Amino acid sequence: MNGGIRVVVVGREPGLVQHWAEALSADGCLVDACAGGFGLARRLCRQSDAEVAVLDGALPREPEKLKRLRQSVAVICLGPNAHQRCQADAMLPAPAAPELLRAVVRLIVGNRRRLAELALRAAALRREIEQHKSMERAKGRLMVAFGFSPAQAEQRLLGMAQRLEISPARAAELILGQ
């Protein structure tokens, strides 16, 4: 099931749009669909918190515009030669089998969610590395200024943090004048 995945479906032909929307709704997706052009797609993407936009590849140059408008929206382009018309996350022939469309939506959303989690984790690790570097520089400054051994400098840094009720990284920043 794709429960909770918000999908915007836009195409030229109402019957095709309805077919794609029904296929995704049957799999538990929350679908906003319209037959029309980029203006309607843009409005739907703004109004909903869509993770995926399924677009008719025959809409001229519209997937690129949608990609620029909502960097957080994955784009699936459907149609003959769709890969030549857009920079989409996935391209499928139209009419795409409902099972294939559902599988691609699940795959793309799963990958994007994992990528977002990894980006958050990487940012946290970068912050942690910077804090560790600051602590090492502060210990070095204490060693030079007071002739402490590495263990003594660390004890002094941790003691300062404890006395001031701040993190050791913040204590290091204070020592370094940051």
Protein backbone atom coordinates (compact mmCIF):
# COMPACT_ATOMS: atom_id res chain seq x y z
CA MET A 1 0.00 0.00 0.00
CA ASN A 2 1.05 3.58 -0.69
CA GLY A 3 -1.00 5.03 2.15
CA GLY A 4 -0.41 8.68 2.65
CA ILE A 5 1.55 9.35 -0.53
CA ARG A 6 0.16 12.51 -2.12
CA VAL A 7 0.23 12.41 -5.90
CA VAL A 8 -0.71 15.03 -8.47
CA VAL A 9 -1.75 13.62 -11.87
CA VAL A 10 -1.97 15.95 -14.89
CA GLY A 11 -2.48 15.10 -18.54
CA ARG A 12 -4.11 16.18 -21.75
CA GLU A 13 -6.76 13.47 -21.97
CA PRO A 14 -9.37 13.20 -19.19
CA GLY A 15 -9.76 9.44 -19.68
CA LEU A 16 -6.05 8.81 -19.29
CA VAL A 17 -5.81 11.08 -16.25
CA GLN A 18 -8.75 9.25 -14.66
CA HIS A 19 -7.12 5.87 -15.43
CA TRP A 20 -3.83 6.90 -13.76
CA ALA A 21 -5.63 8.48 -10.79
CA GLU A 22 -7.78 5.38 -10.22
CA ALA A 23 -4.75 3.09 -10.41
CA LEU A 24 -2.91 5.11 -7.78
CA SER A 25 -5.99 5.61 -5.58
CA ALA A 26 -6.58 1.85 -5.58
CA ASP A 27 -3.12 1.49 -4.05
CA GLY A 28 -3.92 3.94 -1.25
CA CYS A 29 -2.39 7.10 -2.69
CA LEU A 30 -4.09 10.44 -2.08
CA VAL A 31 -4.55 11.72 -5.62
CA ASP A 32 -5.34 15.18 -6.99
CA ALA A 33 -5.92 14.92 -10.73
CA CYS A 34 -6.90 17.17 -13.59
CA ALA A 35 -6.94 17.18 -17.34
CA GLY A 36 -5.24 20.29 -18.49
CA GLY A 37 -1.93 22.00 -18.65
CA PHE A 38 0.86 23.22 -16.48
CA GLY A 39 -1.15 26.00 -14.82
CA LEU A 40 -3.49 23.47 -13.22
CA ALA A 41 -0.58 21.22 -12.26
CA ARG A 42 1.18 24.13 -10.60
CA ARG A 43 -1.95 25.05 -8.62
CA LEU A 44 -2.50 21.45 -7.52
CA CYS A 45 1.11 21.13 -6.39
CA ARG A 46 0.84 24.35 -4.40
CA GLN A 47 -2.47 23.38 -2.79
CA SER A 48 -1.48 19.84 -1.88
CA ASP A 49 1.64 18.59 -0.20
CA ALA A 50 2.39 16.25 -3.10
CA GLU A 51 5.47 14.06 -3.12
CA VAL A 52 5.01 12.92 -6.72
CA ALA A 53 3.67 14.49 -9.90
CA VAL A 54 2.64 12.10 -12.67
CA LEU A 55 2.61 14.07 -15.91
CA ASP A 56 1.66 13.34 -19.47
CA GLY A 57 4.91 13.42 -21.43
CA ALA A 58 3.10 15.17 -24.26
CA LEU A 59 2.64 18.32 -22.19
CA PRO A 60 5.20 20.55 -23.89
CA ARG A 61 8.20 21.27 -21.65
CA GLU A 62 5.99 21.28 -18.59
CA PRO A 63 7.83 18.70 -16.47
CA GLU A 64 10.90 20.96 -16.38
CA LYS A 65 8.78 23.89 -15.17
CA LEU A 66 7.15 21.75 -12.50
CA LYS A 67 10.54 20.44 -11.40
CA ARG A 68 11.77 24.02 -10.95
CA LEU A 69 8.58 25.05 -9.15
CA ARG A 70 8.65 22.28 -6.57
CA GLN A 71 12.11 20.84 -6.00
CA SER A 72 10.58 18.49 -3.44
CA VAL A 73 8.23 16.88 -5.96
CA ALA A 74 9.38 13.76 -7.78
CA VAL A 75 8.32 13.80 -11.42
CA ILE A 76 7.17 10.75 -13.36
CA CYS A 77 6.69 11.43 -17.04
CA LEU A 78 4.42 9.15 -19.08
CA GLY A 79 4.30 8.89 -22.83
CA PRO A 80 6.21 7.95 -25.94
CA ASN A 81 9.68 9.47 -26.01
CA ALA A 82 9.02 11.02 -22.59
CA HIS A 83 12.70 10.66 -21.73
CA GLN A 84 13.56 13.06 -24.54
CA ARG A 85 11.12 15.71 -23.36
CA CYS A 86 11.90 16.13 -19.69
CA GLN A 87 14.34 15.70 -16.85
CA ALA A 88 12.06 13.46 -14.82
CA ASP A 89 12.84 11.09 -11.97
CA ALA A 90 11.23 8.29 -14.00
CA MET A 91 9.86 7.88 -17.49
CA LEU A 92 7.28 5.26 -18.43
CA PRO A 93 5.55 4.45 -21.70
CA ALA A 94 1.89 5.42 -21.91
CA PRO A 95 -0.40 3.80 -21.28
CA ALA A 96 1.61 2.38 -18.40
CA ALA A 97 0.35 -0.73 -16.66
CA PRO A 98 -1.22 0.30 -13.33
CA GLU A 99 1.02 -2.14 -11.44
CA LEU A 100 4.12 -0.59 -13.00
CA LEU A 101 2.99 2.96 -12.21
CA ARG A 102 2.23 2.03 -8.59
CA ALA A 103 5.58 0.25 -8.22
CA VAL A 104 7.49 3.24 -9.62
CA VAL A 105 5.66 5.64 -7.28
CA ARG A 106 6.51 3.43 -4.28
CA LEU A 107 10.14 3.13 -5.38
CA ILE A 108 10.65 6.83 -6.03
CA VAL A 109 8.95 7.98 -2.84
CA GLY A 110 10.82 5.39 -0.78
CA ASN A 111 14.13 6.47 -2.28
CA ARG A 112 13.40 10.17 -1.79
CA ARG A 113 12.40 9.61 1.83
CA ARG A 114 15.56 7.58 2.50
CA LEU A 115 17.63 10.27 0.79
CA ALA A 116 16.05 12.96 2.98
CA GLU A 117 16.77 10.90 6.11
CA LEU A 118 20.37 10.38 5.02
CA ALA A 119 20.77 14.11 4.32
CA LEU A 120 19.57 14.91 7.85
CA ARG A 121 21.89 12.31 9.30
CA ALA A 122 24.83 13.65 7.27
CA ALA A 123 24.11 17.19 8.49
CA ALA A 124 24.04 15.97 12.09
CA LEU A 125 27.33 14.13 11.58
CA ARG A 126 28.92 17.24 10.06
CA ARG A 127 27.83 19.27 13.11
CA GLU A 128 29.21 16.58 15.40
CA ILE A 129 32.55 16.58 13.56
CA GLU A 130 32.77 20.38 13.79
CA GLN A 131 32.03 20.22 17.51
CA HIS A 132 34.71 17.58 17.99
CA LYS A 133 37.21 19.71 16.08
CA SER A 134 36.37 22.72 18.27
CA MET A 135 36.85 20.64 21.39
CA GLU A 136 40.23 19.39 20.16
CA ARG A 137 41.35 22.94 19.31
CA ALA A 138 40.21 24.16 22.73
CA LYS A 139 42.11 21.34 24.44
CA GLY A 140 45.18 22.28 22.40
CA ARG A 141 44.86 25.89 23.47
CA LEU A 142 44.58 24.83 27.13
CA MET A 143 47.64 22.59 26.74
CA VAL A 144 49.71 25.45 25.28
CA ALA A 145 48.45 28.17 27.63
CA PHE A 146 48.64 26.23 30.88
CA GLY A 147 50.99 23.35 30.11
CA PHE A 148 48.25 20.75 30.64
CA SER A 149 48.55 17.19 29.42
CA PRO A 150 45.84 16.08 26.95
CA ALA A 151 43.95 14.34 29.78
CA GLN A 152 44.17 17.43 32.02
CA ALA A 153 42.96 19.69 29.21
CA GLU A 154 40.00 17.42 28.60
CA GLN A 155 39.17 17.34 32.31
CA ARG A 156 39.34 21.14 32.47
CA LEU A 157 37.09 21.48 29.41
CA LEU A 158 34.52 19.02 30.78
CA GLY A 159 34.68 20.64 34.22
CA MET A 160 34.03 24.06 32.72
CA ALA A 161 31.07 22.70 30.76
CA GLN A 162 29.65 21.10 33.88
CA ARG A 163 30.09 24.21 36.03
CA LEU A 164 28.44 26.44 33.43
CA GLU A 165 25.78 23.81 32.64
CA ILE A 166 26.55 23.91 28.92
CA SER A 167 27.68 21.31 26.42
CA PRO A 168 31.40 20.57 26.11
CA ALA A 169 31.21 21.85 22.53
CA ARG A 170 29.83 25.19 23.74
CA ALA A 171 32.55 25.36 26.41
CA ALA A 172 35.12 24.80 23.65
CA GLU A 173 33.62 27.68 21.67
CA LEU A 174 33.93 29.94 24.71
CA ILE A 175 37.58 28.97 25.18
CA LEU A 176 38.24 29.65 21.50
CA GLY A 177 36.34 32.95 21.63
CA GLN A 178 33.71 31.91 19.11
